[in-house]
PDB file of all heavy atoms in Angstrom:
ATOM      1  N   LYS A   1      -0.919  -4.107   3.515  1.00  0.00           N
ATOM      2  CA  LYS A   1      -0.683  -2.690   3.850  1.00  0.00           C
ATOM      3  C   LYS A   1      -0.279  -2.551   5.300  1.00  0.00           C
ATOM      4  O   LYS A   1       0.683  -1.850   5.623  1.00  0.00           O
ATOM      5  CB  LYS A   1      -1.941  -1.875   3.558  1.00  0.00           C
ATOM      6  CG  LYS A   1      -1.818  -0.405   3.869  1.00  0.00           C
ATOM      7  CD  LYS A   1      -3.099   0.331   3.555  1.00  0.00           C
ATOM      8  CE  LYS A   1      -3.021   1.765   3.976  1.00  0.00           C
ATOM      9  NZ  LYS A   1      -4.240   2.514   3.719  1.00  0.00           N
ATOM     10  N   ALA A   2      -0.979  -3.236   6.183  1.00  0.00           N
ATOM     11  CA  ALA A   2      -0.691  -3.142   7.626  1.00  0.00           C
ATOM     12  C   ALA A   2       0.682  -3.723   7.920  1.00  0.00           C
ATOM     13  O   ALA A   2       1.460  -3.173   8.729  1.00  0.00           O
ATOM     14  CB  ALA A   2      -1.739  -3.881   8.436  1.00  0.00           C
ATOM     15  N   MET A   3       1.035  -4.863   7.280  1.00  0.00           N
ATOM     16  CA  MET A   3       2.345  -5.488   7.459  1.00  0.00           C
ATOM     17  C   MET A   3       3.467  -4.507   7.013  1.00  0.00           C
ATOM     18  O   MET A   3       4.458  -4.376   7.713  1.00  0.00           O
ATOM     19  CB  MET A   3       2.420  -6.783   6.640  1.00  0.00           C
ATOM     20  CG  MET A   3       3.779  -7.450   6.708  1.00  0.00           C
ATOM     21  SD  MET A   3       3.926  -9.003   5.763  1.00  0.00           S
ATOM     22  CE  MET A   3       2.957  -8.728   4.354  1.00  0.00           C
ATOM     23  N   TYR A   4       3.250  -3.845   5.901  1.00  0.00           N
ATOM     24  CA  TYR A   4       4.247  -2.883   5.417  1.00  0.00           C
ATOM     25  C   TYR A   4       4.396  -1.720   6.377  1.00  0.00           C
ATOM     26  O   TYR A   4       5.496  -1.295   6.673  1.00  0.00           O
ATOM     27  CB  TYR A   4       3.872  -2.403   4.039  1.00  0.00           C
ATOM     28  CG  TYR A   4       4.907  -1.430   3.458  1.00  0.00           C
ATOM     29  CD1 TYR A   4       6.039  -1.919   2.856  1.00  0.00           C
ATOM     30  CD2 TYR A   4       4.740  -0.069   3.589  1.00  0.00           C
ATOM     31  CE1 TYR A   4       6.998  -1.041   2.348  1.00  0.00           C
ATOM     32  CE2 TYR A   4       5.685   0.809   3.076  1.00  0.00           C
ATOM     33  CZ  TYR A   4       6.817   0.320   2.474  1.00  0.00           C
ATOM     34  OH  TYR A   4       7.774   1.188   2.007  1.00  0.00           O
ATOM     35  N   LEU A   5       3.255  -1.191   6.832  1.00  0.00           N
ATOM     36  CA  LEU A   5       3.301  -0.038   7.724  1.00  0.00           C
ATOM     37  C   LEU A   5       3.942  -0.368   9.081  1.00  0.00           C
ATOM     38  O   LEU A   5       4.514   0.527   9.721  1.00  0.00           O
ATOM     39  CB  LEU A   5       1.924   0.549   7.929  1.00  0.00           C
ATOM     40  CG  LEU A   5       1.374   1.331   6.745  1.00  0.00           C
ATOM     41  CD1 LEU A   5      -0.096   1.729   6.939  1.00  0.00           C
ATOM     42  CD2 LEU A   5       2.240   2.588   6.489  1.00  0.00           C
ATOM     43  N   LEU A   6       3.859  -1.613   9.513  1.00  0.00           N
ATOM     44  CA  LEU A   6       4.571  -2.022  10.739  1.00  0.00           C
ATOM     45  C   LEU A   6       6.079  -1.918  10.535  1.00  0.00           C
ATOM     46  O   LEU A   6       6.803  -1.472  11.418  1.00  0.00           O
ATOM     47  CB  LEU A   6       4.194  -3.444  11.137  1.00  0.00           C
ATOM     48  CG  LEU A   6       2.857  -3.587  11.833  1.00  0.00           C
ATOM     49  CD1 LEU A   6       2.539  -5.074  12.074  1.00  0.00           C
ATOM     50  CD2 LEU A   6       2.858  -2.853  13.164  1.00  0.00           C
ATOM     51  N   ALA A   7       6.549  -2.295   9.353  1.00  0.00           N
ATOM     52  CA  ALA A   7       7.976  -2.258   9.062  1.00  0.00           C
ATOM     53  C   ALA A   7       8.465  -0.864   8.683  1.00  0.00           C
ATOM     54  O   ALA A   7       9.571  -0.489   9.020  1.00  0.00           O
ATOM     55  CB  ALA A   7       8.313  -3.264   7.952  1.00  0.00           C
ATOM     56  N   TYR A   8       7.627  -0.089   8.004  1.00  0.00           N
ATOM     57  CA  TYR A   8       7.987   1.240   7.506  1.00  0.00           C
ATOM     58  C   TYR A   8       6.866   2.228   7.811  1.00  0.00           C
ATOM     59  O   TYR A   8       6.095   2.599   6.893  1.00  0.00           O
ATOM     60  CB  TYR A   8       8.246   1.199   5.996  1.00  0.00           C
ATOM     61  CG  TYR A   8       9.342   0.232   5.591  1.00  0.00           C
ATOM     62  CD1 TYR A   8       9.041  -1.074   5.210  1.00  0.00           C
ATOM     63  CD2 TYR A   8      10.666   0.629   5.595  1.00  0.00           C
ATOM     64  CE1 TYR A   8      10.053  -1.959   4.852  1.00  0.00           C
ATOM     65  CE2 TYR A   8      11.666  -0.234   5.223  1.00  0.00           C
ATOM     66  CZ  TYR A   8      11.349  -1.535   4.846  1.00  0.00           C
ATOM     67  OH  TYR A   8      12.347  -2.406   4.462  1.00  0.00           O
ATOM     68  N   PRO A   9       6.727   2.649   9.040  1.00  0.00           N
ATOM     69  CA  PRO A   9       5.581   3.499   9.400  1.00  0.00           C
ATOM     70  C   PRO A   9       5.544   4.872   8.755  1.00  0.00           C
ATOM     71  O   PRO A   9       4.495   5.491   8.649  1.00  0.00           O
ATOM     72  CB  PRO A   9       5.711   3.639  10.933  1.00  0.00           C
ATOM     73  CG  PRO A   9       7.094   3.277  11.246  1.00  0.00           C
ATOM     74  CD  PRO A   9       7.594   2.369  10.170  1.00  0.00           C
ATOM     75  N   ASP A  10       6.682   5.400   8.279  1.00  0.00           N
ATOM     76  CA  ASP A  10       6.704   6.739   7.726  1.00  0.00           C
ATOM     77  C   ASP A  10       6.549   6.772   6.201  1.00  0.00           C
ATOM     78  O   ASP A  10       6.506   7.868   5.628  1.00  0.00           O
ATOM     79  CB  ASP A  10       8.011   7.460   8.120  1.00  0.00           C
ATOM     80  CG  ASP A  10       8.133   7.641   9.637  1.00  0.00           C
ATOM     81  OD1 ASP A  10       7.064   7.767  10.255  1.00  0.00           O
ATOM     82  OD2 ASP A  10       9.264   7.630  10.140  1.00  0.00           O
ATOM     83  N   ASP A  11       6.510   5.633   5.557  1.00  0.00           N
ATOM     84  CA  ASP A  11       6.422   5.580   4.102  1.00  0.00           C
ATOM     85  C   ASP A  11       5.001   5.731   3.588  1.00  0.00           C
ATOM     86  O   ASP A  11       4.032   5.412   4.293  1.00  0.00           O
ATOM     87  CB  ASP A  11       6.999   4.240   3.587  1.00  0.00           C
ATOM     88  CG  ASP A  11       8.490   4.178   3.652  1.00  0.00           C
ATOM     89  OD1 ASP A  11       9.122   5.133   4.147  1.00  0.00           O
ATOM     90  OD2 ASP A  11       9.060   3.176   3.199  1.00  0.00           O
ATOM     91  N   ALA A  12       4.907   6.190   2.371  1.00  0.00           N
ATOM     92  CA  ALA A  12       3.587   6.327   1.709  1.00  0.00           C
ATOM     93  C   ALA A  12       3.152   4.965   1.167  1.00  0.00           C
ATOM     94  O   ALA A  12       3.921   4.272   0.537  1.00  0.00           O
ATOM     95  CB  ALA A  12       3.680   7.306   0.566  1.00  0.00           C
ATOM     96  N   VAL A  13       1.896   4.612   1.463  1.00  0.00           N
ATOM     97  CA  VAL A  13       1.331   3.344   0.988  1.00  0.00           C
ATOM     98  C   VAL A  13       0.002   3.693   0.291  1.00  0.00           C
ATOM     99  O   VAL A  13      -0.794   4.437   0.810  1.00  0.00           O
ATOM    100  CB  VAL A  13       1.008   2.382   2.154  1.00  0.00           C
ATOM    101  CG1 VAL A  13       0.448   1.091   1.638  1.00  0.00           C
ATOM    102  CG2 VAL A  13       2.284   2.111   2.977  1.00  0.00           C
ATOM    103  N   TYR A  14      -0.175   3.103  -0.895  1.00  0.00           N
ATOM    104  CA  TYR A  14      -1.389   3.372  -1.687  1.00  0.00           C
ATOM    105  C   TYR A  14      -2.112   2.055  -1.906  1.00  0.00           C
ATOM    106  O   TYR A  14      -1.577   1.105  -2.448  1.00  0.00           O
ATOM    107  CB  TYR A  14      -0.991   3.964  -3.030  1.00  0.00           C
ATOM    108  CG  TYR A  14      -0.124   5.208  -2.912  1.00  0.00           C
ATOM    109  CD1 TYR A  14       1.273   5.081  -2.937  1.00  0.00           C
ATOM    110  CD2 TYR A  14      -0.668   6.467  -2.731  1.00  0.00           C
ATOM    111  CE1 TYR A  14       2.072   6.215  -2.800  1.00  0.00           C
ATOM    112  CE2 TYR A  14       0.111   7.588  -2.607  1.00  0.00           C
ATOM    113  CZ  TYR A  14       1.488   7.452  -2.633  1.00  0.00           C
ATOM    114  OH  TYR A  14       2.295   8.546  -2.519  1.00  0.00           O
ATOM    115  N   MET A  15      -3.393   2.015  -1.472  1.00  0.00           N
ATOM    116  CA  MET A  15      -4.241   0.854  -1.698  1.00  0.00           C
ATOM    117  C   MET A  15      -5.304   1.288  -2.700  1.00  0.00           C
ATOM    118  O   MET A  15      -6.049   2.243  -2.444  1.00  0.00           O
ATOM    119  CB  MET A  15      -4.877   0.368  -0.420  1.00  0.00           C
ATOM    120  CG  MET A  15      -5.484  -0.987  -0.530  1.00  0.00           C
ATOM    121  SD  MET A  15      -5.916  -1.688   1.072  1.00  0.00           S
ATOM    122  CE  MET A  15      -7.654  -1.309   1.088  1.00  0.00           C
ATOM    123  N   ASP A  16      -5.328   0.627  -3.860  1.00  0.00           N
ATOM    124  CA  ASP A  16      -6.246   1.035  -4.949  1.00  0.00           C
ATOM    125  C   ASP A  16      -7.083  -0.130  -5.426  1.00  0.00           C
ATOM    126  O   ASP A  16      -6.639  -1.313  -5.356  1.00  0.00           O
ATOM    127  CB  ASP A  16      -5.429   1.550  -6.150  1.00  0.00           C
ATOM    128  CG  ASP A  16      -4.551   2.710  -5.824  1.00  0.00           C
ATOM    129  OD1 ASP A  16      -5.058   3.681  -5.221  1.00  0.00           O
ATOM    130  OD2 ASP A  16      -3.338   2.677  -6.163  1.00  0.00           O
ATOM    131  N   TYR A  17      -8.245   0.200  -5.935  1.00  0.00           N
ATOM    132  CA  TYR A  17      -9.093  -0.786  -6.564  1.00  0.00           C
ATOM    133  C   TYR A  17      -9.277  -0.395  -8.013  1.00  0.00           C
ATOM    134  O   TYR A  17      -9.770   0.678  -8.325  1.00  0.00           O
ATOM    135  CB  TYR A  17     -10.462  -0.862  -5.872  1.00  0.00           C
ATOM    136  CG  TYR A  17     -11.414  -1.849  -6.504  1.00  0.00           C
ATOM    137  CD1 TYR A  17     -11.174  -3.222  -6.401  1.00  0.00           C
ATOM    138  CD2 TYR A  17     -12.501  -1.418  -7.238  1.00  0.00           C
ATOM    139  CE1 TYR A  17     -12.022  -4.113  -7.000  1.00  0.00           C
ATOM    140  CE2 TYR A  17     -13.358  -2.316  -7.820  1.00  0.00           C
ATOM    141  CZ  TYR A  17     -13.119  -3.665  -7.714  1.00  0.00           C
ATOM    142  OH  TYR A  17     -13.967  -4.583  -8.279  1.00  0.00           O
ATOM    143  N   GLU A  18      -8.774  -1.221  -8.903  1.00  0.00           N
ATOM    144  CA  GLU A  18      -8.966  -1.061 -10.345  1.00  0.00           C
ATOM    145  C   GLU A  18      -9.669  -2.324 -10.799  1.00  0.00           C
ATOM    146  O   GLU A  18      -9.069  -3.385 -10.903  1.00  0.00           O
ATOM    147  CB  GLU A  18      -7.647  -0.897 -11.036  1.00  0.00           C
ATOM    148  CG  GLU A  18      -6.884   0.350 -10.594  1.00  0.00           C
ATOM    149  CD  GLU A  18      -5.444   0.374 -11.069  1.00  0.00           C
ATOM    150  OE1 GLU A  18      -5.093  -0.364 -12.028  1.00  0.00           O
ATOM    151  OE2 GLU A  18      -4.653   1.129 -10.478  1.00  0.00           O
ATOM    152  N   GLN A  19     -10.962  -2.202 -11.028  1.00  0.00           N
ATOM    153  CA  GLN A  19     -11.806  -3.353 -11.263  1.00  0.00           C
ATOM    154  C   GLN A  19     -11.158  -4.346 -12.236  1.00  0.00           C
ATOM    155  O   GLN A  19     -10.718  -3.946 -13.304  1.00  0.00           O
ATOM    156  CB  GLN A  19     -13.155  -2.900 -11.818  1.00  0.00           C
ATOM    157  CG  GLN A  19     -14.172  -3.977 -11.877  1.00  0.00           C
ATOM    158  CD  GLN A  19     -15.535  -3.413 -12.278  1.00  0.00           C
ATOM    159  OE1 GLN A  19     -15.722  -2.245 -12.502  1.00  0.00           O
ATOM    160  NE2 GLN A  19     -16.512  -4.270 -12.330  1.00  0.00           N
ATOM    161  N   PRO A  20     -11.016  -5.578 -11.894  1.00  0.00           N
ATOM    162  CA  PRO A  20     -11.499  -6.282 -10.703  1.00  0.00           C
ATOM    163  C   PRO A  20     -10.393  -6.518  -9.653  1.00  0.00           C
ATOM    164  O   PRO A  20     -10.510  -7.403  -8.820  1.00  0.00           O
ATOM    165  CB  PRO A  20     -11.929  -7.619 -11.284  1.00  0.00           C
ATOM    166  CG  PRO A  20     -10.892  -7.902 -12.343  1.00  0.00           C
ATOM    167  CD  PRO A  20     -10.564  -6.533 -12.924  1.00  0.00           C
ATOM    168  N   ASN A  21      -9.323  -5.759  -9.696  1.00  0.00           N
ATOM    169  CA  ASN A  21      -8.153  -6.016  -8.857  1.00  0.00           C
ATOM    170  C   ASN A  21      -7.969  -4.999  -7.744  1.00  0.00           C
ATOM    171  O   ASN A  21      -8.185  -3.807  -7.923  1.00  0.00           O
ATOM    172  CB  ASN A  21      -6.881  -6.015  -9.715  1.00  0.00           C
ATOM    173  CG  ASN A  21      -6.861  -7.112 -10.747  1.00  0.00           C
ATOM    174  OD1 ASN A  21      -7.101  -8.262 -10.441  1.00  0.00           O
ATOM    175  ND2 ASN A  21      -6.587  -6.735 -11.992  1.00  0.00           N
ATOM    176  N   TRP A  22      -7.479  -5.512  -6.589  1.00  0.00           N
ATOM    177  CA  TRP A  22      -7.001  -4.672  -5.501  1.00  0.00           C
ATOM    178  C   TRP A  22      -5.482  -4.647  -5.572  1.00  0.00           C
ATOM    179  O   TRP A  22      -4.851  -5.646  -5.825  1.00  0.00           O
ATOM    180  CB  TRP A  22      -7.442  -5.255  -4.153  1.00  0.00           C
ATOM    181  CG  TRP A  22      -8.853  -4.960  -3.832  1.00  0.00           C
ATOM    182  CD1 TRP A  22      -9.925  -5.737  -4.073  1.00  0.00           C
ATOM    183  CD2 TRP A  22      -9.353  -3.774  -3.225  1.00  0.00           C
ATOM    184  NE1 TRP A  22     -11.091  -5.139  -3.668  1.00  0.00           N
ATOM    185  CE2 TRP A  22     -10.758  -3.894  -3.137  1.00  0.00           C
ATOM    186  CE3 TRP A  22      -8.768  -2.599  -2.752  1.00  0.00           C
ATOM    187  CZ2 TRP A  22     -11.573  -2.908  -2.596  1.00  0.00           C
ATOM    188  CZ3 TRP A  22      -9.581  -1.637  -2.213  1.00  0.00           C
ATOM    189  CH2 TRP A  22     -10.970  -1.802  -2.138  1.00  0.00           C
ATOM    190  N   PHE A  23      -4.902  -3.451  -5.345  1.00  0.00           N
ATOM    191  CA  PHE A  23      -3.450  -3.296  -5.405  1.00  0.00           C
ATOM    192  C   PHE A  23      -2.976  -2.600  -4.128  1.00  0.00           C
ATOM    193  O   PHE A  23      -3.683  -1.732  -3.593  1.00  0.00           O
ATOM    194  CB  PHE A  23      -3.039  -2.382  -6.566  1.00  0.00           C
ATOM    195  CG  PHE A  23      -3.251  -2.999  -7.920  1.00  0.00           C
ATOM    196  CD1 PHE A  23      -4.442  -2.782  -8.610  1.00  0.00           C
ATOM    197  CD2 PHE A  23      -2.279  -3.796  -8.500  1.00  0.00           C
ATOM    198  CE1 PHE A  23      -4.652  -3.319  -9.853  1.00  0.00           C
ATOM    199  CE2 PHE A  23      -2.491  -4.329  -9.747  1.00  0.00           C
ATOM    200  CZ  PHE A  23      -3.664  -4.092 -10.431  1.00  0.00           C
ATOM    201  N   VAL A  24      -1.767  -2.961  -3.702  1.00  0.00           N
ATOM    202  CA  VAL A  24      -1.076  -2.212  -2.667  1.00  0.00           C
ATOM    203  C   VAL A  24       0.259  -1.816  -3.282  1.00  0.00           C
ATOM    204  O   VAL A  24       1.045  -2.684  -3.691  1.00  0.00           O
ATOM    205  CB  VAL A  24      -0.835  -3.033  -1.379  1.00  0.00           C
ATOM    206  CG1 VAL A  24      -0.017  -2.258  -0.392  1.00  0.00           C
ATOM    207  CG2 VAL A  24      -2.173  -3.429  -0.785  1.00  0.00           C
ATOM    208  N   ARG A  25       0.484  -0.508  -3.383  1.00  0.00           N
ATOM    209  CA  ARG A  25       1.717   0.018  -3.960  1.00  0.00           C
ATOM    210  C   ARG A  25       2.366   0.968  -2.968  1.00  0.00           C
ATOM    211  O   ARG A  25       1.668   1.656  -2.213  1.00  0.00           O
ATOM    212  CB  ARG A  25       1.452   0.745  -5.273  1.00  0.00           C
ATOM    213  CG  ARG A  25       0.897  -0.177  -6.340  1.00  0.00           C
ATOM    214  CD  ARG A  25       0.727   0.584  -7.653  1.00  0.00           C
ATOM    215  NE  ARG A  25       0.154  -0.283  -8.667  1.00  0.00           N
ATOM    216  CZ  ARG A  25      -1.088  -0.243  -9.106  1.00  0.00           C
ATOM    217  NH1 ARG A  25      -1.935   0.631  -8.579  1.00  0.00           N
ATOM    218  NH2 ARG A  25      -1.531  -1.068 -10.041  1.00  0.00           N
ATOM    219  N   VAL A  26       3.699   1.024  -3.001  1.00  0.00           N
ATOM    220  CA  VAL A  26       4.411   1.867  -2.054  1.00  0.00           C
ATOM    221  C   VAL A  26       5.437   2.725  -2.802  1.00  0.00           C
ATOM    222  O   VAL A  26       5.929   2.345  -3.881  1.00  0.00           O
ATOM    223  CB  VAL A  26       5.136   1.033  -0.969  1.00  0.00           C
ATOM    224  CG1 VAL A  26       4.130   0.287  -0.111  1.00  0.00           C
ATOM    225  CG2 VAL A  26       6.134   0.071  -1.561  1.00  0.00           C
ATOM    226  N   GLY A  27       5.761   3.849  -2.191  1.00  0.00           N
ATOM    227  CA  GLY A  27       6.828   4.692  -2.653  1.00  0.00           C
ATOM    228  C   GLY A  27       6.472   5.644  -3.766  1.00  0.00           C
ATOM    229  O   GLY A  27       5.490   5.490  -4.473  1.00  0.00           O
ATOM    230  N   ASP A  28       7.322   6.664  -3.897  1.00  0.00           N
ATOM    231  CA  ASP A  28       7.285   7.630  -5.004  1.00  0.00           C
ATOM    232  C   ASP A  28       8.716   7.790  -5.428  1.00  0.00           C
ATOM    233  O   ASP A  28       9.446   8.647  -4.909  1.00  0.00           O
ATOM    234  CB  ASP A  28       6.701   8.979  -4.521  1.00  0.00           C
ATOM    235  CG  ASP A  28       5.204   8.921  -4.313  1.00  0.00           C
ATOM    236  OD1 ASP A  28       4.509   8.395  -5.196  1.00  0.00           O
ATOM    237  OD2 ASP A  28       4.738   9.363  -3.250  1.00  0.00           O
TER     238      ASP A  28
END
């Protein structure tokens, strides 16, 4: 998430936990 935000600071980033997985998703 931090790496993405360095490259695209204005974009929406979603970090979710859906047991048992962590996800990082971007964009709408």
